[in-house]
Amino acid sequence: MSKPAFNILRAVSIALFGLAISLPSFATNGYLAHGYGIKSKGMAGAGIAFPQEVLIAATNPAGIAFLGNRVEVAAALFSPRRSYEVSGASPQPPFEGKVDSGRDYFVIPEMGATWQLDEHKSVGIVLFGNGGMNTDYSASDTPLGIGTFGAGTTGVDLAQLFLSPTFSYRFDNDMAIGVSAILAAQSFEAKGIGSFAGLSNDPTHISDNGHDYSFGAGINIGLILPITEAVTFGGGIRSRVYMSELDDYAGLFAEQGGMDIPASATIGLAWKATTQLTLALDVQKTWYSSIDSVGNSMSPAMGTCMAAKMGGAPTHPSCLGGNDGIGFGWEDMTTVKFGVQYEATNDWTWRAGYSHGNQPIPDSEVFFNILAPGVMEEHFTVGFTKAFDQGRQEINFSAMYAPEHSVTGQIPTGQIVEIEMKQYQLELGWALQF
């Protein structure tokens, strides 16, 4: 490796580790971002079979085999608008009315670098984040000023971060395979839910304990396979990421603070319809229901726990923090993504995309999901690239709008709750081919 290339990769690696403890949380397709990499995001997250940026490693590590020596840095301004509305009077919270979540703006960086070792082998490193959850319902915005659940300002803050060293091998026929190690860190905080302590196996570790951290690892494998000169198949699967427990919230999450990250898989096609026009279609599946703290339903676990507590049992597997404890009830999610890219004159490239997924929250699970209203289903995106310096450098841009979507259901008090969200995002990035 040349000294300039080494210095670039070293600087990027240091920056990756530095940022790995500071990314904020957000939510789009459940836990997952609507895409990884600014070019893919301009195509609604499509492009697993269309490698053109370092962040392809987040979904398909085989893709870095086609990039050469490259560095990318980008930052997004993300704005999710979350709220819940309760209909029907009750003598106990949540009280009737609508409450909006605070903290509407987040800055989200992503970056990475690749290096081509020889005509077949490439390595890289990328930093990216999963969606996570974030809500902040001020007590002063709720009736009587006591908070959503009667225990003060209420919300959760979950951030999941990934650092992925990647290796890819490109065969003579332009097929490529790749593998990434997934090194993960996550932080979590819950506040204002101490009123549920009576349903917990560990009442002192359910709420208002500040941020706790956990770490884990998994693996990501990918494939690029040319079908014809114009059509390419791509696929990638990210394993379940096994995380250490969030001990400060052992009384909230199932399995004494367990919060693993679910597996996901994506397949797709890219069709170069003309020398300037490329179409991409991806299908992504995420197995949220396999993570007990996320997938376990509220019912019948809550009723079973209440009966056990009333019977004098100090703990029970169905209570919060138990092996079969109350969760958020998320179902598995399938998302279809379609994107188009047009390479115009004067080094301009234009993109647009649309994605649709079946959001993961059933109407029977709205009660706990006041804390995590990850109900988005549609994303509309646009983007562009402007190349300069004889194509060695790029300025990249993408924009995303996710229209308002809501889920309505009945909660244990008999009231009707509607949780809703809409989102906006603008992202700007720079890339260097060296």
Protein backbone atom coordinates (compact mmCIF):
# COMPACT_ATOMS: atom_id res chain seq x y z
CA MET A 1 0.00 0.00 0.00
CA SER A 2 1.31 3.45 -0.88
CA LYS A 3 1.99 5.87 1.95
CA PRO A 4 -0.73 8.39 0.86
CA ALA A 5 -3.30 5.61 0.60
CA PHE A 6 -2.27 4.27 4.00
CA ASN A 7 -2.59 7.72 5.56
CA ILE A 8 -6.06 8.17 4.10
CA LEU A 9 -7.24 4.79 5.36
CA ARG A 10 -5.70 5.39 8.79
CA ALA A 11 -7.39 8.80 9.12
CA VAL A 12 -10.74 7.38 8.10
CA SER A 13 -10.39 4.45 10.50
CA ILE A 14 -9.64 6.78 13.42
CA ALA A 15 -12.66 8.89 12.52
CA LEU A 16 -14.85 5.77 12.31
CA PHE A 17 -13.94 4.66 15.83
CA GLY A 18 -14.37 8.18 17.18
CA LEU A 19 -17.86 8.49 15.77
CA ALA A 20 -18.89 5.00 16.80
CA ILE A 21 -19.94 6.25 20.23
CA SER A 22 -21.85 9.35 19.13
CA LEU A 23 -24.37 8.46 16.41
CA PRO A 24 -27.98 9.35 17.22
CA SER A 25 -30.91 6.99 16.77
CA PHE A 26 -33.65 7.21 14.21
CA ALA A 27 -36.23 4.95 12.60
CA THR A 28 -37.31 4.26 9.03
CA ASN A 29 -37.97 0.64 7.97
CA GLY A 30 -38.45 -0.51 11.53
CA TYR A 31 -34.88 -0.74 12.89
CA LEU A 32 -33.21 -0.34 9.51
CA ALA A 33 -32.39 2.84 7.65
CA HIS A 34 -34.19 3.20 4.32
CA GLY A 35 -30.77 2.72 2.70
CA TYR A 36 -27.04 2.63 3.37
CA GLY A 37 -24.85 4.93 1.32
CA ILE A 38 -25.90 8.27 -0.12
CA LYS A 39 -26.28 6.97 -3.70
CA SER A 40 -28.42 4.04 -2.61
CA LYS A 41 -30.50 6.38 -0.44
CA GLY A 42 -31.22 8.50 -3.51
CA MET A 43 -32.72 5.33 -5.01
CA ALA A 44 -34.87 4.55 -1.93
CA GLY A 45 -32.27 2.08 -0.65
CA ALA A 46 -32.14 -0.03 -3.82
CA GLY A 47 -28.86 -1.10 -5.38
CA ILE A 48 -27.65 -4.32 -3.74
CA ALA A 49 -26.78 -5.51 -7.27
CA PHE A 50 -25.42 -2.11 -8.33
CA PRO A 51 -22.13 -1.41 -6.48
CA GLN A 52 -20.99 2.20 -6.81
CA GLU A 53 -20.13 3.33 -3.26
CA VAL A 54 -18.26 2.05 -0.22
CA LEU A 55 -21.40 1.74 1.93
CA ILE A 56 -22.57 -1.13 -0.31
CA ALA A 57 -20.65 -3.21 2.26
CA ALA A 58 -23.48 -2.59 4.76
CA THR A 59 -25.81 -4.77 2.71
CA ASN A 60 -23.58 -6.59 0.20
CA PRO A 61 -19.87 -6.85 1.03
CA ALA A 62 -19.17 -8.40 -2.39
CA GLY A 63 -19.82 -4.98 -3.93
CA ILE A 64 -16.53 -3.42 -2.82
CA ALA A 65 -14.72 -5.58 -5.40
CA PHE A 66 -15.85 -3.13 -8.10
CA LEU A 67 -14.85 0.15 -6.43
CA GLY A 68 -11.05 0.33 -6.47
CA ASN A 69 -9.40 2.67 -3.96
CA ARG A 70 -12.08 4.97 -2.60
CA VAL A 71 -12.94 7.10 0.45
CA GLU A 72 -16.42 8.43 1.28
CA VAL A 73 -17.77 10.72 3.98
CA ALA A 74 -21.40 11.84 4.31
CA ALA A 75 -23.72 13.39 6.88
CA ALA A 76 -27.51 13.50 6.91
CA LEU A 77 -29.88 15.90 8.61
CA PHE A 78 -32.74 13.66 9.65
CA SER A 79 -36.09 14.82 11.02
CA PRO A 80 -38.63 12.29 12.31
CA ARG A 81 -41.93 13.71 13.59
CA ARG A 82 -43.49 11.33 16.17
CA SER A 83 -46.70 11.63 18.16
CA TYR A 84 -49.47 9.70 19.86
CA GLU A 85 -53.12 10.56 20.46
CA VAL A 86 -55.38 9.03 23.10
CA SER A 87 -59.16 8.99 22.68
CA GLY A 88 -61.44 8.30 25.62
CA ALA A 89 -61.35 9.36 29.25
CA SER A 90 -59.54 7.38 31.92
CA PRO A 91 -58.82 7.97 35.62
CA GLN A 92 -55.20 6.95 35.05
CA PRO A 93 -52.63 7.87 32.42
CA PRO A 94 -52.31 7.99 29.51
CA PHE A 95 -54.93 10.74 29.49
CA GLU A 96 -56.98 11.86 26.51
CA GLY A 97 -55.23 14.16 24.08
CA LYS A 98 -52.39 14.37 21.53
CA VAL A 99 -48.71 14.66 22.46
CA ASP A 100 -45.82 15.30 20.06
CA SER A 101 -42.34 13.98 20.67
CA GLY A 102 -39.55 16.51 21.05
CA ARG A 103 -36.05 16.45 19.52
CA ASP A 104 -36.96 16.62 15.85
CA TYR A 105 -33.49 16.91 14.28
CA PHE A 106 -30.53 14.52 14.19
CA VAL A 107 -27.18 14.63 12.37
CA ILE A 108 -26.23 11.16 11.13
CA PRO A 109 -22.75 10.52 9.67
CA GLU A 110 -21.66 7.51 7.63
CA MET A 111 -18.29 6.86 6.06
CA GLY A 112 -15.86 4.26 4.82
CA ALA A 113 -12.95 3.37 2.58
CA THR A 114 -11.95 0.57 0.23
CA TRP A 115 -8.59 -0.52 -1.15
CA GLN A 116 -7.96 -2.86 -4.08
CA LEU A 117 -5.19 -5.30 -3.19
CA ASP A 118 -4.89 -6.77 -6.70
CA GLU A 119 -7.12 -7.55 -9.68
CA HIS A 120 -9.16 -10.02 -7.59
CA LYS A 121 -9.06 -8.98 -3.94
CA SER A 122 -10.35 -5.87 -2.16
CA VAL A 123 -10.66 -4.80 1.47
CA GLY A 124 -12.59 -2.03 3.14
CA ILE A 125 -14.01 -0.62 6.34
CA VAL A 126 -17.35 1.14 6.85
CA LEU A 127 -19.29 2.80 9.66
CA PHE A 128 -23.08 2.93 9.59
CA GLY A 129 -26.06 2.83 11.93
CA ASN A 130 -29.33 1.00 12.30
CA GLY A 131 -32.55 2.85 12.90
CA GLY A 132 -33.21 2.21 16.53
CA MET A 133 -35.89 4.17 18.38
CA ASN A 134 -36.10 7.66 19.83
CA THR A 135 -38.99 9.44 21.53
CA ASP A 136 -39.16 12.30 24.02
CA TYR A 137 -42.61 13.19 25.34
CA SER A 138 -42.26 16.12 27.72
CA ALA A 139 -44.32 15.84 30.90
CA SER A 140 -45.33 19.49 30.51
CA ASP A 141 -47.10 18.59 27.25
CA THR A 142 -49.30 15.96 28.89
CA PRO A 143 -52.55 16.53 30.83
CA LEU A 144 -51.84 17.41 34.49
CA GLY A 145 -48.14 17.56 33.59
CA ILE A 146 -47.41 14.09 35.00
CA GLY A 147 -46.14 12.42 31.86
CA THR A 148 -47.42 9.85 29.38
CA PHE A 149 -47.51 7.03 31.94
CA GLY A 150 -47.65 9.20 35.06
CA ALA A 151 -43.91 9.03 35.80
CA GLY A 152 -42.57 12.25 34.27
CA THR A 153 -41.08 13.00 30.87
CA THR A 154 -41.25 9.80 28.87
CA GLY A 155 -39.23 8.27 26.07
CA VAL A 156 -36.54 5.91 24.89
CA ASP A 157 -33.24 6.46 23.08
CA LEU A 158 -31.70 3.49 21.27
CA ALA A 159 -28.71 3.82 18.94
CA GLN A 160 -27.12 0.86 17.16
CA LEU A 161 -23.76 1.33 15.46
CA PHE A 162 -21.71 -0.94 13.21
CA LEU A 163 -18.07 -1.00 12.22
CA SER A 164 -17.47 -3.54 9.45
CA PRO A 165 -14.07 -4.61 8.12
CA THR A 166 -14.79 -6.20 4.72
CA PHE A 167 -13.11 -8.53 2.24
CA SER A 168 -14.25 -9.28 -1.31
CA TYR A 169 -13.00 -11.53 -4.10
CA ARG A 170 -13.79 -10.84 -7.76
CA PHE A 171 -13.59 -13.71 -10.25
CA ASP A 172 -12.58 -13.42 -13.88
CA ASN A 173 -16.24 -13.58 -14.98
CA ASP A 174 -17.05 -10.54 -12.76
CA MET A 175 -18.85 -12.62 -10.17
CA ALA A 176 -17.83 -11.53 -6.66
CA ILE A 177 -18.26 -12.81 -3.14
CA GLY A 178 -17.66 -10.87 0.04
CA VAL A 179 -17.73 -11.09 3.81
CA SER A 180 -17.84 -8.49 6.57
CA ALA A 181 -17.34 -8.81 10.28
CA ILE A 182 -20.07 -6.87 12.10
CA LEU A 183 -18.68 -5.17 15.21
CA ALA A 184 -21.64 -3.59 16.96
CA ALA A 185 -22.21 -1.18 19.82
CA GLN A 186 -25.53 0.08 21.11
CA SER A 187 -26.69 2.48 23.77
CA PHE A 188 -30.11 2.65 25.40
CA GLU A 189 -31.97 4.88 27.81
CA ALA A 190 -35.57 4.75 29.03
CA LYS A 191 -37.28 7.37 31.15
CA GLY A 192 -40.75 7.98 32.51
CA ILE A 193 -41.88 4.34 32.58
CA GLY A 194 -41.28 3.62 36.27
CA SER A 195 -45.04 3.17 36.66
CA PHE A 196 -44.59 -0.29 35.14
CA ALA A 197 -42.28 -1.40 37.96
CA GLY A 198 -45.04 -3.58 39.39
CA LEU A 199 -44.93 -5.68 36.22
CA SER A 200 -41.16 -6.13 36.34
CA ASN A 201 -38.97 -8.88 37.74
CA ASP A 202 -36.37 -6.22 38.57
CA PRO A 203 -38.19 -2.94 39.39
CA THR A 204 -35.00 -0.92 39.99
CA HIS A 205 -33.73 -1.62 36.46
CA ILE A 206 -36.63 -0.53 34.32
CA SER A 207 -36.48 3.26 33.96
CA ASP A 208 -34.44 6.43 34.53
CA ASN A 209 -31.06 4.73 34.82
CA GLY A 210 -29.32 6.85 32.19
CA HIS A 211 -27.63 5.39 29.13
CA ASP A 212 -26.42 1.83 29.25
CA TYR A 213 -24.17 0.23 26.61
CA SER A 214 -23.75 -3.21 25.11
CA PHE A 215 -21.48 -4.73 22.49
CA GLY A 216 -21.60 -7.66 20.12
CA ALA A 217 -20.70 -9.19 16.79
CA GLY A 218 -22.12 -10.89 13.74
CA ILE A 219 -21.31 -11.58 10.10
CA ASN A 220 -22.47 -10.28 6.74
CA ILE A 221 -21.99 -12.19 3.45
CA GLY A 222 -22.79 -11.11 -0.08
CA LEU A 223 -22.77 -12.04 -3.76
CA ILE A 224 -22.65 -10.20 -7.09
CA LEU A 225 -23.55 -12.37 -10.10
CA PRO A 226 -23.77 -11.09 -13.69
CA ILE A 227 -26.72 -12.72 -15.49
CA THR A 228 -26.32 -10.99 -18.86
CA GLU A 229 -24.25 -8.06 -20.04
CA ALA A 230 -27.07 -5.76 -18.92
CA VAL A 231 -28.55 -7.56 -15.88
CA THR A 232 -26.82 -8.27 -12.55
CA PHE A 233 -28.07 -10.16 -9.49
CA GLY A 234 -27.01 -9.21 -5.99
CA GLY A 235 -27.73 -10.66 -2.58
CA GLY A 236 -26.63 -10.21 1.00
CA ILE A 237 -27.52 -11.59 4.40
CA ARG A 238 -26.64 -10.10 7.77
CA SER A 239 -26.70 -12.56 10.64
CA ARG A 240 -28.29 -11.94 13.98
CA VAL A 241 -25.90 -9.79 15.98
CA TYR A 242 -25.48 -11.22 19.47
CA MET A 243 -25.15 -8.41 22.00
CA SER A 244 -24.17 -8.31 25.65
CA GLU A 245 -27.03 -7.50 28.01
CA LEU A 246 -28.19 -4.02 28.96
CA ASP A 247 -27.84 -4.61 32.69
CA ASP A 248 -29.27 -1.24 33.74
CA TYR A 249 -32.51 -2.24 31.98
CA ALA A 250 -32.61 -5.90 33.00
CA GLY A 251 -36.09 -5.28 34.40
CA LEU A 252 -37.43 -3.92 31.11
CA PHE A 253 -36.18 -6.07 28.24
CA ALA A 254 -36.89 -9.78 27.99
CA GLU A 255 -34.13 -12.17 29.04
CA GLN A 256 -32.78 -9.80 31.71
CA GLY A 257 -31.83 -6.96 29.41
CA GLY A 258 -31.31 -8.87 26.17
CA MET A 259 -31.36 -6.72 23.04
CA ASP A 260 -29.83 -8.61 20.12
CA ILE A 261 -30.06 -7.11 16.63
CA PRO A 262 -32.21 -9.06 14.16
CA ALA A 263 -30.97 -10.76 11.01
CA SER A 264 -31.89 -9.32 7.63
CA ALA A 265 -31.49 -10.42 4.02
CA THR A 266 -31.74 -8.56 0.72
CA ILE A 267 -31.81 -9.72 -2.90
CA GLY A 268 -32.05 -7.55 -5.99
CA LEU A 269 -31.50 -6.97 -9.69
CA ALA A 270 -29.85 -4.13 -11.55
CA TRP A 271 -30.67 -3.60 -15.23
CA LYS A 272 -28.55 -1.27 -17.35
CA ALA A 273 -31.34 -0.41 -19.79
CA THR A 274 -29.14 1.97 -21.80
CA THR A 275 -25.62 3.31 -21.49
CA GLN A 276 -27.04 6.12 -19.33
CA LEU A 277 -30.06 4.55 -17.57
CA THR A 278 -29.94 1.92 -14.81
CA LEU A 279 -32.93 0.44 -12.95
CA ALA A 280 -32.63 -1.35 -9.60
CA LEU A 281 -35.13 -3.48 -7.69
CA ASP A 282 -34.46 -4.90 -4.20
CA VAL A 283 -36.49 -6.96 -1.73
CA GLN A 284 -35.44 -6.91 1.93
CA LYS A 285 -36.62 -9.07 4.83
CA THR A 286 -35.94 -8.37 8.52
CA TRP A 287 -36.75 -10.89 11.26
CA TYR A 288 -37.80 -8.64 14.15
CA SER A 289 -39.98 -11.32 15.75
CA SER A 290 -36.90 -13.45 16.47
CA ILE A 291 -35.67 -10.95 19.10
CA ASP A 292 -37.72 -11.58 22.25
CA SER A 293 -37.43 -8.07 23.69
CA VAL A 294 -38.74 -6.67 20.41
CA GLY A 295 -40.99 -9.45 19.11
CA ASN A 296 -42.76 -10.69 22.27
CA SER A 297 -46.38 -9.54 22.39
CA MET A 298 -47.98 -7.56 25.22
CA SER A 299 -50.84 -10.07 25.42
CA PRO A 300 -51.16 -12.56 27.00
CA ALA A 301 -47.84 -11.90 28.80
CA MET A 302 -49.14 -8.84 30.67
CA GLY A 303 -52.22 -10.66 31.98
CA THR A 304 -50.14 -13.68 33.01
CA CYS A 305 -47.65 -11.45 34.81
CA MET A 306 -50.38 -9.52 36.64
CA ALA A 307 -52.01 -12.74 37.82
CA ALA A 308 -48.68 -14.07 39.07
CA LYS A 309 -47.88 -10.84 40.93
CA MET A 310 -51.32 -10.70 42.51
CA GLY A 311 -50.76 -14.29 43.62
CA GLY A 312 -47.63 -13.22 45.48
CA ALA A 313 -44.96 -14.37 43.04
CA PRO A 314 -41.99 -11.96 43.14
CA THR A 315 -40.97 -12.89 39.60
CA HIS A 316 -42.45 -14.65 36.59
CA PRO A 317 -41.10 -15.45 33.09
CA SER A 318 -43.92 -13.38 31.50
CA CYS A 319 -43.13 -10.20 33.43
CA LEU A 320 -40.88 -7.43 32.16
CA GLY A 321 -37.30 -8.68 32.15
CA GLY A 322 -38.38 -12.34 32.18
CA ASN A 323 -37.35 -14.95 29.63
CA ASP A 324 -40.80 -14.68 28.04
CA GLY A 325 -41.31 -11.10 29.12
CA ILE A 326 -43.54 -8.42 27.65
CA GLY A 327 -42.07 -6.92 24.47
CA PHE A 328 -43.03 -4.51 21.72
CA GLY A 329 -44.78 -7.13 19.58
CA TRP A 330 -42.99 -6.29 16.33
CA GLU A 331 -43.59 -8.62 13.40
CA ASP A 332 -41.16 -9.45 10.59
CA MET A 333 -40.95 -6.83 7.85
CA THR A 334 -40.60 -7.11 4.07
CA THR A 335 -39.67 -4.02 2.05
CA VAL A 336 -39.62 -3.61 -1.73
CA LYS A 337 -37.33 -0.87 -3.12
CA PHE A 338 -37.18 0.51 -6.64
CA GLY A 339 -34.63 3.02 -7.92
CA VAL A 340 -33.58 4.64 -11.16
CA GLN A 341 -30.28 6.32 -12.08
CA TYR A 342 -29.59 8.46 -15.14
CA GLU A 343 -26.04 9.48 -16.10
CA ALA A 344 -26.41 12.84 -17.80
CA THR A 345 -23.83 15.04 -19.50
CA ASN A 346 -21.24 17.29 -17.82
CA ASP A 347 -20.51 14.73 -15.06
CA TRP A 348 -24.00 14.90 -13.53
CA THR A 349 -25.87 11.77 -12.39
CA TRP A 350 -29.52 11.89 -11.24
CA ARG A 351 -31.46 9.44 -9.09
CA ALA A 352 -34.97 8.77 -7.80
CA GLY A 353 -36.63 5.97 -5.90
CA TYR A 354 -39.63 4.60 -4.04
CA SER A 355 -39.91 1.90 -1.37
CA HIS A 356 -42.82 0.25 0.39
CA GLY A 357 -42.81 -2.07 3.40
CA ASN A 358 -45.36 -3.62 5.73
CA GLN A 359 -44.63 -1.75 8.97
CA PRO A 360 -44.00 -4.15 11.91
CA ILE A 361 -46.41 -2.96 14.65
CA PRO A 362 -49.84 -4.70 14.93
CA ASP A 363 -52.77 -2.61 16.17
CA SER A 364 -52.87 -4.78 19.30
CA GLU A 365 -49.39 -3.52 20.31
CA VAL A 366 -49.82 0.26 20.25
CA PHE A 367 -49.60 0.63 24.05
CA PHE A 368 -45.85 0.01 24.47
CA ASN A 369 -45.13 1.32 20.99
CA ILE A 370 -46.05 4.82 22.10
CA LEU A 371 -42.35 4.62 23.02
CA ALA A 372 -41.25 3.29 19.62
CA PRO A 373 -43.67 4.29 16.83
CA GLY A 374 -41.65 2.77 13.96
CA VAL A 375 -44.66 2.71 11.62
CA MET A 376 -43.17 4.03 8.37
CA GLU A 377 -44.16 2.21 5.18
CA GLU A 378 -43.31 4.46 2.21
CA HIS A 379 -40.22 6.44 1.20
CA PHE A 380 -39.87 8.80 -1.76
CA THR A 381 -36.30 9.81 -2.64
CA VAL A 382 -34.20 11.82 -5.09
CA GLY A 383 -30.48 12.43 -5.38
CA PHE A 384 -27.59 13.46 -7.57
CA THR A 385 -23.82 13.20 -8.05
CA LYS A 386 -21.57 15.87 -9.49
CA ALA A 387 -18.12 14.56 -10.45
CA PHE A 388 -15.08 16.82 -10.80
CA ASP A 389 -11.29 16.66 -10.81
CA GLN A 390 -11.45 14.43 -13.90
CA GLY A 391 -13.87 12.10 -12.12
CA ARG A 392 -11.62 11.49 -9.12
CA GLN A 393 -13.87 13.41 -6.71
CA GLU A 394 -17.63 13.62 -6.24
CA ILE A 395 -20.20 15.67 -4.40
CA ASN A 396 -23.23 13.52 -3.61
CA PHE A 397 -26.69 14.51 -2.39
CA SER A 398 -29.90 12.70 -1.50
CA ALA A 399 -33.28 13.69 -0.08
CA MET A 400 -35.98 11.53 1.45
CA TYR A 401 -39.63 12.08 2.37
CA ALA A 402 -41.65 9.44 4.23
CA PRO A 403 -45.32 10.46 4.36
CA GLU A 404 -47.26 10.23 7.59
CA HIS A 405 -48.44 6.79 8.61
CA SER A 406 -50.25 5.70 11.75
CA VAL A 407 -51.47 2.63 13.62
CA THR A 408 -54.55 2.72 15.85
CA GLY A 409 -55.51 0.20 18.51
CA GLN A 410 -57.09 -0.30 21.90
CA ILE A 411 -55.00 -0.32 25.09
CA PRO A 412 -55.68 -2.10 28.44
CA THR A 413 -57.58 0.91 29.87
CA GLY A 414 -60.12 0.58 27.03
CA GLN A 415 -58.97 3.81 25.37
CA ILE A 416 -58.04 4.11 21.72
CA VAL A 417 -54.45 5.14 20.91
CA GLU A 418 -53.09 6.26 17.56
CA ILE A 419 -49.31 6.34 17.06
CA GLU A 420 -47.95 8.13 14.01
CA MET A 421 -44.79 9.33 12.32
CA LYS A 422 -43.52 11.11 9.23
CA GLN A 423 -39.92 11.80 8.21
CA TYR A 424 -37.64 14.08 6.21
CA GLN A 425 -33.96 13.68 5.41
CA LEU A 426 -31.28 15.60 3.51
CA GLU A 427 -27.79 14.17 3.06
CA LEU A 428 -24.60 15.59 1.61
CA GLY A 429 -21.39 13.69 0.96
CA TRP A 430 -17.95 13.72 -0.63
CA ALA A 431 -16.04 10.87 -2.27
CA LEU A 432 -12.47 10.50 -3.49
CA GLN A 433 -11.10 7.88 -5.91
CA PHE A 434 -7.37 7.56 -5.19
